[in-house]
Amino acid sequence: MLKRTAQTQAQWRGKSQHIDNWLETRKQLLVEYCQLIGQKQDKIPNQLPDIEMIGHFCNHLVDYVSTGHFRIFDQMTQDCQNYQRVQLLIEELAPTTDAALDFYDRFSILNEQVPLIDFDHELNQLGEKLELRFSIEDQLLKELYQYIVNGMQLA
């Protein structure tokens, strides 16, 4: 996922500050995800990564998903000339958004006494959903670029 994000950044870098910011945020989210996976691999089986790290990742995850939906995609659907294409892509994102929000709800507020069953499995499932999300978002990037090229401004 990091390699794909780097390729996407290379393709779109400098075309728009909004796209640059969005992709940088994606990269940071992936780095945090990889750190969680890496920290988990360094620990004893069934032992969690650092709880603060999990909480930070959860907050970043929900911020990332929210920014896409409520700041970028909503405005695109209001003003974009290719509304139907954008709307279909946004609808394809819904299951990945639900997965991210479910993960956040389950793991964002933890303490040492909370037993976490299936954390590894849930983290891996989230990774698969993020990979799908990024693929769909890359298609939306093309639409976003056209949106900006046509003189539209994101708030």
N, C-alpha and C. Protein backbone atom coordinates (compact mmCIF):
# COMPACT_ATOMS: atom_id res chain seq x y z
N MET A 1 0.82 -1.20 0.00
CA MET A 1 0.00 0.00 0.00
C MET A 1 0.86 1.26 0.00
N LEU A 2 1.96 1.23 0.75
CA LEU A 2 2.83 2.40 0.77
C LEU A 2 3.45 2.65 -0.61
N LYS A 3 3.84 1.58 -1.29
CA LYS A 3 4.42 1.72 -2.62
C LYS A 3 3.41 2.32 -3.58
N ARG A 4 2.19 1.83 -3.52
CA ARG A 4 1.13 2.37 -4.39
C ARG A 4 0.86 3.83 -4.09
N THR A 5 0.83 4.18 -2.81
CA THR A 5 0.62 5.58 -2.43
C THR A 5 1.75 6.45 -2.95
N ALA A 6 2.99 5.97 -2.86
CA ALA A 6 4.13 6.72 -3.38
C ALA A 6 4.00 6.92 -4.89
N GLN A 7 3.54 5.89 -5.60
CA GLN A 7 3.34 6.01 -7.04
C GLN A 7 2.25 7.02 -7.36
N THR A 8 1.18 6.98 -6.59
CA THR A 8 0.08 7.92 -6.79
C THR A 8 0.56 9.34 -6.51
N GLN A 9 1.34 9.50 -5.44
CA GLN A 9 1.88 10.83 -5.13
C GLN A 9 2.76 11.33 -6.27
N ALA A 10 3.60 10.46 -6.80
CA ALA A 10 4.47 10.87 -7.90
C ALA A 10 3.66 11.30 -9.12
N GLN A 11 2.57 10.59 -9.39
CA GLN A 11 1.73 10.92 -10.54
C GLN A 11 1.03 12.26 -10.38
N TRP A 12 0.58 12.57 -9.17
CA TRP A 12 -0.28 13.73 -8.95
C TRP A 12 0.42 14.91 -8.27
N ARG A 13 1.64 14.73 -7.79
CA ARG A 13 2.33 15.78 -7.04
C ARG A 13 2.40 17.08 -7.84
N GLY A 14 2.01 18.15 -7.17
CA GLY A 14 2.09 19.47 -7.77
C GLY A 14 0.91 19.87 -8.62
N LYS A 15 -0.01 18.98 -8.87
CA LYS A 15 -1.17 19.31 -9.70
C LYS A 15 -2.17 20.16 -8.93
N SER A 16 -2.25 19.92 -7.62
CA SER A 16 -3.20 20.64 -6.78
C SER A 16 -2.76 20.51 -5.32
N GLN A 17 -2.85 21.59 -4.59
CA GLN A 17 -2.51 21.55 -3.17
C GLN A 17 -3.47 20.61 -2.42
N HIS A 18 -4.74 20.57 -2.84
CA HIS A 18 -5.71 19.68 -2.19
C HIS A 18 -5.32 18.21 -2.38
N ILE A 19 -4.92 17.88 -3.59
CA ILE A 19 -4.51 16.50 -3.87
C ILE A 19 -3.23 16.18 -3.10
N ASP A 20 -2.26 17.10 -3.10
CA ASP A 20 -1.02 16.88 -2.36
C ASP A 20 -1.31 16.64 -0.87
N ASN A 21 -2.16 17.46 -0.28
CA ASN A 21 -2.50 17.31 1.14
C ASN A 21 -3.20 15.99 1.41
N TRP A 22 -4.13 15.63 0.55
CA TRP A 22 -4.89 14.40 0.72
C TRP A 22 -3.95 13.19 0.67
N LEU A 23 -3.06 13.17 -0.30
CA LEU A 23 -2.14 12.04 -0.43
C LEU A 23 -1.10 12.00 0.69
N GLU A 24 -0.69 13.14 1.17
CA GLU A 24 0.24 13.16 2.31
C GLU A 24 -0.43 12.61 3.56
N THR A 25 -1.70 12.96 3.75
CA THR A 25 -2.45 12.44 4.88
C THR A 25 -2.62 10.93 4.76
N ARG A 26 -2.88 10.46 3.55
CA ARG A 26 -3.00 9.02 3.31
C ARG A 26 -1.69 8.32 3.66
N LYS A 27 -0.59 8.90 3.21
CA LYS A 27 0.72 8.30 3.49
C LYS A 27 0.97 8.22 4.99
N GLN A 28 0.66 9.28 5.72
CA GLN A 28 0.86 9.29 7.17
C GLN A 28 -0.01 8.22 7.84
N LEU A 29 -1.23 8.06 7.37
CA LEU A 29 -2.12 7.03 7.91
C LEU A 29 -1.52 5.64 7.68
N LEU A 30 -1.01 5.42 6.49
CA LEU A 30 -0.40 4.13 6.19
C LEU A 30 0.85 3.86 7.02
N VAL A 31 1.64 4.88 7.24
CA VAL A 31 2.83 4.72 8.09
C VAL A 31 2.40 4.29 9.49
N GLU A 32 1.38 4.93 10.02
CA GLU A 32 0.88 4.56 11.35
C GLU A 32 0.32 3.13 11.35
N TYR A 33 -0.38 2.75 10.30
CA TYR A 33 -0.89 1.39 10.18
C TYR A 33 0.27 0.39 10.19
N CYS A 34 1.29 0.68 9.39
CA CYS A 34 2.45 -0.22 9.32
C CYS A 34 3.18 -0.28 10.67
N GLN A 35 3.24 0.82 11.39
CA GLN A 35 3.86 0.82 12.72
C GLN A 35 3.07 -0.08 13.67
N LEU A 36 1.75 -0.03 13.58
CA LEU A 36 0.94 -0.92 14.42
C LEU A 36 1.21 -2.38 14.08
N ILE A 37 1.24 -2.68 12.81
CA ILE A 37 1.52 -4.06 12.38
C ILE A 37 2.92 -4.47 12.85
N GLY A 38 3.90 -3.60 12.65
CA GLY A 38 5.28 -3.90 13.04
C GLY A 38 5.42 -4.07 14.53
N GLN A 39 4.77 -3.20 15.29
CA GLN A 39 4.86 -3.30 16.75
C GLN A 39 4.19 -4.59 17.22
N LYS A 40 3.12 -4.96 16.57
CA LYS A 40 2.43 -6.19 16.95
C LYS A 40 3.33 -7.40 16.70
N GLN A 41 4.08 -7.37 15.63
CA GLN A 41 4.94 -8.51 15.31
C GLN A 41 6.10 -8.63 16.29
N ASP A 42 6.48 -7.53 16.93
CA ASP A 42 7.59 -7.56 17.89
C ASP A 42 7.16 -8.05 19.28
N LYS A 43 5.87 -8.20 19.49
CA LYS A 43 5.37 -8.54 20.83
C LYS A 43 5.02 -10.02 20.93
N ILE A 44 4.73 -10.39 22.13
CA ILE A 44 4.29 -11.75 22.43
C ILE A 44 2.91 -11.96 21.80
N PRO A 45 2.61 -13.14 21.28
CA PRO A 45 1.29 -13.38 20.71
C PRO A 45 0.18 -13.00 21.69
N ASN A 46 -0.89 -12.45 21.15
CA ASN A 46 -2.07 -12.01 21.91
C ASN A 46 -1.80 -10.78 22.77
N GLN A 47 -0.66 -10.15 22.63
CA GLN A 47 -0.39 -8.91 23.34
C GLN A 47 -0.57 -7.76 22.36
N LEU A 48 -1.20 -6.69 22.83
CA LEU A 48 -1.51 -5.56 21.97
C LEU A 48 -0.33 -4.62 21.77
N PRO A 49 -0.36 -3.91 20.66
CA PRO A 49 0.58 -2.78 20.52
C PRO A 49 0.23 -1.73 21.57
N ASP A 50 1.02 -0.72 21.65
CA ASP A 50 0.81 0.37 22.59
C ASP A 50 -0.59 0.96 22.44
N ILE A 51 -1.32 1.08 23.53
CA ILE A 51 -2.70 1.55 23.51
C ILE A 51 -2.78 2.99 23.00
N GLU A 52 -1.83 3.82 23.37
CA GLU A 52 -1.83 5.21 22.87
C GLU A 52 -1.65 5.23 21.36
N MET A 53 -0.82 4.35 20.85
CA MET A 53 -0.60 4.27 19.41
C MET A 53 -1.88 3.86 18.69
N ILE A 54 -2.60 2.92 19.26
CA ILE A 54 -3.87 2.48 18.68
C ILE A 54 -4.85 3.65 18.67
N GLY A 55 -4.96 4.36 19.77
CA GLY A 55 -5.87 5.50 19.86
C GLY A 55 -5.53 6.59 18.85
N HIS A 56 -4.24 6.89 18.72
CA HIS A 56 -3.80 7.90 17.76
C HIS A 56 -4.15 7.47 16.33
N PHE A 57 -3.88 6.22 16.02
CA PHE A 57 -4.21 5.70 14.69
C PHE A 57 -5.71 5.79 14.44
N CYS A 58 -6.52 5.42 15.42
CA CYS A 58 -7.97 5.48 15.26
C CYS A 58 -8.44 6.90 14.97
N ASN A 59 -7.89 7.86 15.69
CA ASN A 59 -8.27 9.25 15.47
C ASN A 59 -7.86 9.72 14.07
N HIS A 60 -6.68 9.35 13.65
CA HIS A 60 -6.20 9.73 12.32
C HIS A 60 -7.07 9.06 11.24
N LEU A 61 -7.45 7.82 11.48
CA LEU A 61 -8.29 7.07 10.54
C LEU A 61 -9.63 7.76 10.33
N VAL A 62 -10.28 8.12 11.41
CA VAL A 62 -11.60 8.75 11.28
C VAL A 62 -11.48 10.15 10.69
N ASP A 63 -10.41 10.87 11.00
CA ASP A 63 -10.18 12.18 10.38
C ASP A 63 -9.98 12.04 8.87
N TYR A 64 -9.21 11.06 8.48
CA TYR A 64 -8.94 10.84 7.05
C TYR A 64 -10.24 10.53 6.30
N VAL A 65 -11.01 9.60 6.83
CA VAL A 65 -12.26 9.20 6.18
C VAL A 65 -13.23 10.39 6.14
N SER A 66 -13.33 11.12 7.23
CA SER A 66 -14.25 12.25 7.30
C SER A 66 -13.87 13.36 6.33
N THR A 67 -12.59 13.65 6.22
CA THR A 67 -12.14 14.70 5.30
C THR A 67 -12.55 14.37 3.88
N GLY A 68 -12.34 13.13 3.48
CA GLY A 68 -12.74 12.74 2.13
C GLY A 68 -14.21 12.92 1.89
N HIS A 69 -15.01 12.42 2.81
CA HIS A 69 -16.46 12.47 2.59
C HIS A 69 -17.05 13.85 2.75
N PHE A 70 -16.68 14.53 3.79
CA PHE A 70 -17.40 15.76 4.12
C PHE A 70 -16.75 17.02 3.57
N ARG A 71 -15.51 16.96 3.19
CA ARG A 71 -14.88 18.16 2.67
C ARG A 71 -14.68 18.08 1.16
N ILE A 72 -14.21 16.95 0.70
CA ILE A 72 -13.86 16.83 -0.71
C ILE A 72 -15.00 16.24 -1.54
N PHE A 73 -15.47 15.05 -1.19
CA PHE A 73 -16.44 14.36 -2.03
C PHE A 73 -17.79 15.06 -2.06
N ASP A 74 -18.25 15.58 -0.93
CA ASP A 74 -19.54 16.28 -0.92
C ASP A 74 -19.54 17.45 -1.89
N GLN A 75 -18.49 18.23 -1.86
CA GLN A 75 -18.44 19.39 -2.74
C GLN A 75 -18.32 18.96 -4.20
N MET A 76 -17.58 17.89 -4.44
CA MET A 76 -17.46 17.40 -5.81
C MET A 76 -18.82 17.00 -6.36
N THR A 77 -19.62 16.33 -5.55
CA THR A 77 -20.93 15.88 -6.05
C THR A 77 -21.87 17.06 -6.28
N GLN A 78 -21.66 18.14 -5.59
CA GLN A 78 -22.51 19.32 -5.79
C GLN A 78 -22.16 20.04 -7.08
N ASP A 79 -20.88 20.13 -7.42
CA ASP A 79 -20.43 20.99 -8.51
C ASP A 79 -19.84 20.25 -9.71
N CYS A 80 -19.53 19.00 -9.56
CA CYS A 80 -18.78 18.29 -10.60
C CYS A 80 -19.63 18.05 -11.84
N GLN A 81 -19.02 18.24 -12.99
CA GLN A 81 -19.70 18.00 -14.26
C GLN A 81 -19.98 16.51 -14.46
N ASN A 82 -19.14 15.67 -13.95
CA ASN A 82 -19.30 14.22 -14.09
C ASN A 82 -19.90 13.65 -12.81
N TYR A 83 -21.01 14.21 -12.40
CA TYR A 83 -21.66 13.89 -11.12
C TYR A 83 -21.93 12.40 -10.97
N GLN A 84 -22.48 11.77 -11.98
CA GLN A 84 -22.86 10.35 -11.85
C GLN A 84 -21.65 9.47 -11.58
N ARG A 85 -20.58 9.70 -12.28
CA ARG A 85 -19.35 8.91 -12.07
C ARG A 85 -18.82 9.10 -10.65
N VAL A 86 -18.76 10.34 -10.21
CA VAL A 86 -18.29 10.64 -8.85
C VAL A 86 -19.20 10.00 -7.82
N GLN A 87 -20.50 10.10 -8.02
CA GLN A 87 -21.45 9.54 -7.06
C GLN A 87 -21.30 8.03 -6.95
N LEU A 88 -21.12 7.35 -8.08
CA LEU A 88 -20.92 5.90 -8.06
C LEU A 88 -19.64 5.52 -7.30
N LEU A 89 -18.57 6.26 -7.54
CA LEU A 89 -17.32 5.98 -6.83
C LEU A 89 -17.48 6.21 -5.33
N ILE A 90 -18.17 7.27 -4.97
CA ILE A 90 -18.39 7.56 -3.54
C ILE A 90 -19.22 6.46 -2.90
N GLU A 91 -20.20 5.97 -3.62
CA GLU A 91 -21.01 4.86 -3.09
C GLU A 91 -20.17 3.60 -2.90
N GLU A 92 -19.19 3.38 -3.79
CA GLU A 92 -18.30 2.23 -3.64
C GLU A 92 -17.43 2.36 -2.39
N LEU A 93 -17.22 3.59 -1.93
CA LEU A 93 -16.42 3.81 -0.72
C LEU A 93 -17.18 3.46 0.56
N ALA A 94 -18.50 3.41 0.50
CA ALA A 94 -19.31 3.24 1.71
C ALA A 94 -18.88 2.05 2.57
N PRO A 95 -18.67 0.86 2.01
CA PRO A 95 -18.26 -0.26 2.88
C PRO A 95 -16.90 -0.02 3.56
N THR A 96 -16.01 0.68 2.88
CA THR A 96 -14.71 0.95 3.48
C THR A 96 -14.84 1.99 4.58
N THR A 97 -15.73 2.94 4.39
CA THR A 97 -16.00 3.93 5.43
C THR A 97 -16.60 3.25 6.65
N ASP A 98 -17.57 2.39 6.42
CA ASP A 98 -18.20 1.66 7.53
C ASP A 98 -17.17 0.84 8.30
N ALA A 99 -16.26 0.18 7.58
CA ALA A 99 -15.22 -0.63 8.24
C ALA A 99 -14.31 0.25 9.08
N ALA A 100 -13.93 1.41 8.56
CA ALA A 100 -13.07 2.33 9.30
C ALA A 100 -13.77 2.83 10.56
N LEU A 101 -15.02 3.21 10.43
CA LEU A 101 -15.78 3.72 11.58
C LEU A 101 -16.02 2.63 12.62
N ASP A 102 -16.27 1.41 12.16
CA ASP A 102 -16.43 0.28 13.09
C ASP A 102 -15.14 0.02 13.87
N PHE A 103 -14.02 0.06 13.16
CA PHE A 103 -12.72 -0.12 13.82
C PHE A 103 -12.51 0.98 14.86
N TYR A 104 -12.80 2.21 14.48
CA TYR A 104 -12.67 3.34 15.40
C TYR A 104 -13.55 3.13 16.64
N ASP A 105 -14.79 2.78 16.42
CA ASP A 105 -15.71 2.56 17.54
C ASP A 105 -15.21 1.48 18.49
N ARG A 106 -14.63 0.46 17.93
CA ARG A 106 -14.20 -0.67 18.75
C ARG A 106 -12.88 -0.42 19.49
N PHE A 107 -11.97 0.33 18.88
CA PHE A 107 -10.62 0.40 19.43
C PHE A 107 -10.14 1.80 19.82
N SER A 108 -10.92 2.83 19.62
CA SER A 108 -10.40 4.19 19.86
C SER A 108 -10.23 4.53 21.34
N ILE A 109 -11.05 3.97 22.20
CA ILE A 109 -10.95 4.25 23.63
C ILE A 109 -10.65 2.94 24.34
N LEU A 110 -9.41 2.79 24.73
CA LEU A 110 -8.96 1.56 25.36
C LEU A 110 -8.24 1.87 26.66
N ASN A 111 -8.16 0.86 27.48
CA ASN A 111 -7.28 0.92 28.64
C ASN A 111 -6.70 -0.47 28.84
N GLU A 112 -5.79 -0.58 29.76
CA GLU A 112 -5.07 -1.84 29.96
C GLU A 112 -5.99 -2.99 30.38
N GLN A 113 -7.16 -2.67 30.95
CA GLN A 113 -8.05 -3.71 31.43
C GLN A 113 -9.01 -4.24 30.36
N VAL A 114 -9.08 -3.59 29.22
CA VAL A 114 -10.01 -4.00 28.17
C VAL A 114 -9.39 -5.15 27.38
N PRO A 115 -10.02 -6.33 27.42
CA PRO A 115 -9.48 -7.42 26.61
C PRO A 115 -9.86 -7.20 25.14
N LEU A 116 -8.91 -7.36 24.29
CA LEU A 116 -9.17 -7.16 22.86
C LEU A 116 -9.06 -8.49 22.13
N ILE A 117 -10.21 -9.00 21.85
CA ILE A 117 -10.28 -10.26 21.12
C ILE A 117 -10.22 -9.94 19.64
N ASP A 118 -9.43 -10.67 18.92
CA ASP A 118 -9.33 -10.55 17.46
C ASP A 118 -8.77 -9.22 16.98
N PHE A 119 -7.96 -8.53 17.78
CA PHE A 119 -7.38 -7.27 17.31
C PHE A 119 -6.58 -7.47 16.03
N ASP A 120 -5.74 -8.51 16.00
CA ASP A 120 -4.92 -8.79 14.82
C ASP A 120 -5.79 -8.98 13.59
N HIS A 121 -6.82 -9.78 13.75
CA HIS A 121 -7.73 -10.05 12.63
C HIS A 121 -8.41 -8.76 12.17
N GLU A 122 -8.90 -7.98 13.12
CA GLU A 122 -9.58 -6.72 12.78
C GLU A 122 -8.62 -5.75 12.08
N LEU A 123 -7.39 -5.68 12.54
CA LEU A 123 -6.41 -4.79 11.93
C LEU A 123 -6.10 -5.24 10.50
N ASN A 124 -5.98 -6.55 10.29
CA ASN A 124 -5.74 -7.07 8.95
C ASN A 124 -6.93 -6.81 8.02
N GLN A 125 -8.14 -7.00 8.55
CA GLN A 125 -9.35 -6.73 7.76
C GLN A 125 -9.41 -5.26 7.37
N LEU A 126 -9.07 -4.39 8.31
CA LEU A 126 -9.05 -2.97 8.03
C LEU A 126 -8.04 -2.67 6.93
N GLY A 127 -6.88 -3.30 6.98
CA GLY A 127 -5.87 -3.10 5.94
C GLY A 127 -6.40 -3.44 4.56
N GLU A 128 -7.16 -4.52 4.45
CA GLU A 128 -7.76 -4.89 3.17
C GLU A 128 -8.77 -3.85 2.71
N LYS A 129 -9.56 -3.34 3.64
CA LYS A 129 -10.54 -2.30 3.30
C LYS A 129 -9.85 -1.00 2.90
N LEU A 130 -8.76 -0.67 3.57
CA LEU A 130 -8.01 0.54 3.21
C LEU A 130 -7.42 0.41 1.81
N GLU A 131 -6.92 -0.77 1.49
CA GLU A 131 -6.36 -0.98 0.16
C GLU A 131 -7.43 -0.77 -0.92
N LEU A 132 -8.62 -1.29 -0.69
CA LEU A 132 -9.73 -1.09 -1.61
C LEU A 132 -10.11 0.39 -1.68
N ARG A 133 -10.17 1.03 -0.52
CA ARG A 133 -10.52 2.45 -0.46
C ARG A 133 -9.54 3.29 -1.27
N PHE A 134 -8.25 3.04 -1.11
CA PHE A 134 -7.25 3.83 -1.81
C PHE A 134 -7.36 3.64 -3.32
N SER A 135 -7.70 2.44 -3.75
CA SER A 135 -7.89 2.18 -5.17
C SER A 135 -9.06 3.02 -5.72
N ILE A 136 -10.16 3.06 -4.99
CA ILE A 136 -11.31 3.86 -5.40
C ILE A 136 -10.97 5.34 -5.33
N GLU A 137 -10.28 5.73 -4.28
CA GLU A 137 -9.89 7.14 -4.15
C GLU A 137 -8.99 7.58 -5.30
N ASP A 138 -8.13 6.69 -5.78
CA ASP A 138 -7.28 7.04 -6.91
C ASP A 138 -8.12 7.37 -8.14
N GLN A 139 -9.23 6.66 -8.31
CA GLN A 139 -10.13 6.99 -9.41
C GLN A 139 -10.80 8.35 -9.16
N LEU A 140 -11.13 8.60 -7.91
CA LEU A 140 -11.71 9.90 -7.57
C LEU A 140 -10.71 11.03 -7.76
N LEU A 141 -9.43 10.74 -7.57
CA LEU A 141 -8.40 11.75 -7.80
C LEU A 141 -8.45 12.28 -9.23
N LYS A 142 -8.66 11.38 -10.16
CA LYS A 142 -8.76 11.80 -11.56
C LYS A 142 -9.92 12.76 -11.75
N GLU A 143 -11.04 12.43 -11.11
CA GLU A 143 -12.22 13.31 -11.19
C GLU A 143 -11.96 14.62 -10.46
N LEU A 144 -11.31 14.56 -9.32
CA LEU A 144 -11.00 15.76 -8.56
C LEU A 144 -10.09 16.68 -9.36
N TYR A 145 -9.12 16.10 -10.03
CA TYR A 145 -8.22 16.91 -10.83
C TYR A 145 -8.99 17.63 -11.95
N GLN A 146 -9.87 16.90 -12.60
CA GLN A 146 -10.68 17.54 -13.65
C GLN A 146 -11.57 18.63 -13.06
N TYR A 147 -12.07 18.38 -11.91
CA TYR A 147 -12.90 19.35 -11.18
C TYR A 147 -12.12 20.64 -10.95
N ILE A 148 -10.89 20.50 -10.50
CA ILE A 148 -10.04 21.67 -10.21
C ILE A 148 -9.60 22.35 -11.51
N VAL A 149 -9.24 21.55 -12.52
CA VAL A 149 -8.83 22.10 -13.81
C VAL A 149 -9.95 22.94 -14.42
N ASN A 150 -11.17 22.55 -14.18
CA ASN A 150 -12.31 23.28 -14.73
C ASN A 150 -12.64 24.52 -13.91
N GLY A 151 -11.77 24.88 -12.99
CA GLY A 151 -11.91 26.15 -12.28
C GLY A 151 -12.70 26.10 -10.99
N MET A 152 -13.10 24.92 -10.56
CA MET A 152 -13.85 24.81 -9.31
C MET A 152 -12.86 24.91 -8.14
N GLN A 153 -13.32 25.45 -7.06
CA GLN A 153 -12.48 25.58 -5.86
C GLN A 153 -13.08 24.77 -4.73
N LEU A 154 -12.24 24.05 -4.02
CA LEU A 154 -12.69 23.34 -2.83
C LEU A 154 -12.63 24.29 -1.65
N ALA A 155 -13.62 24.20 -0.80
CA ALA A 155 -13.65 25.08 0.38
C ALA A 155 -12.59 24.68 1.36
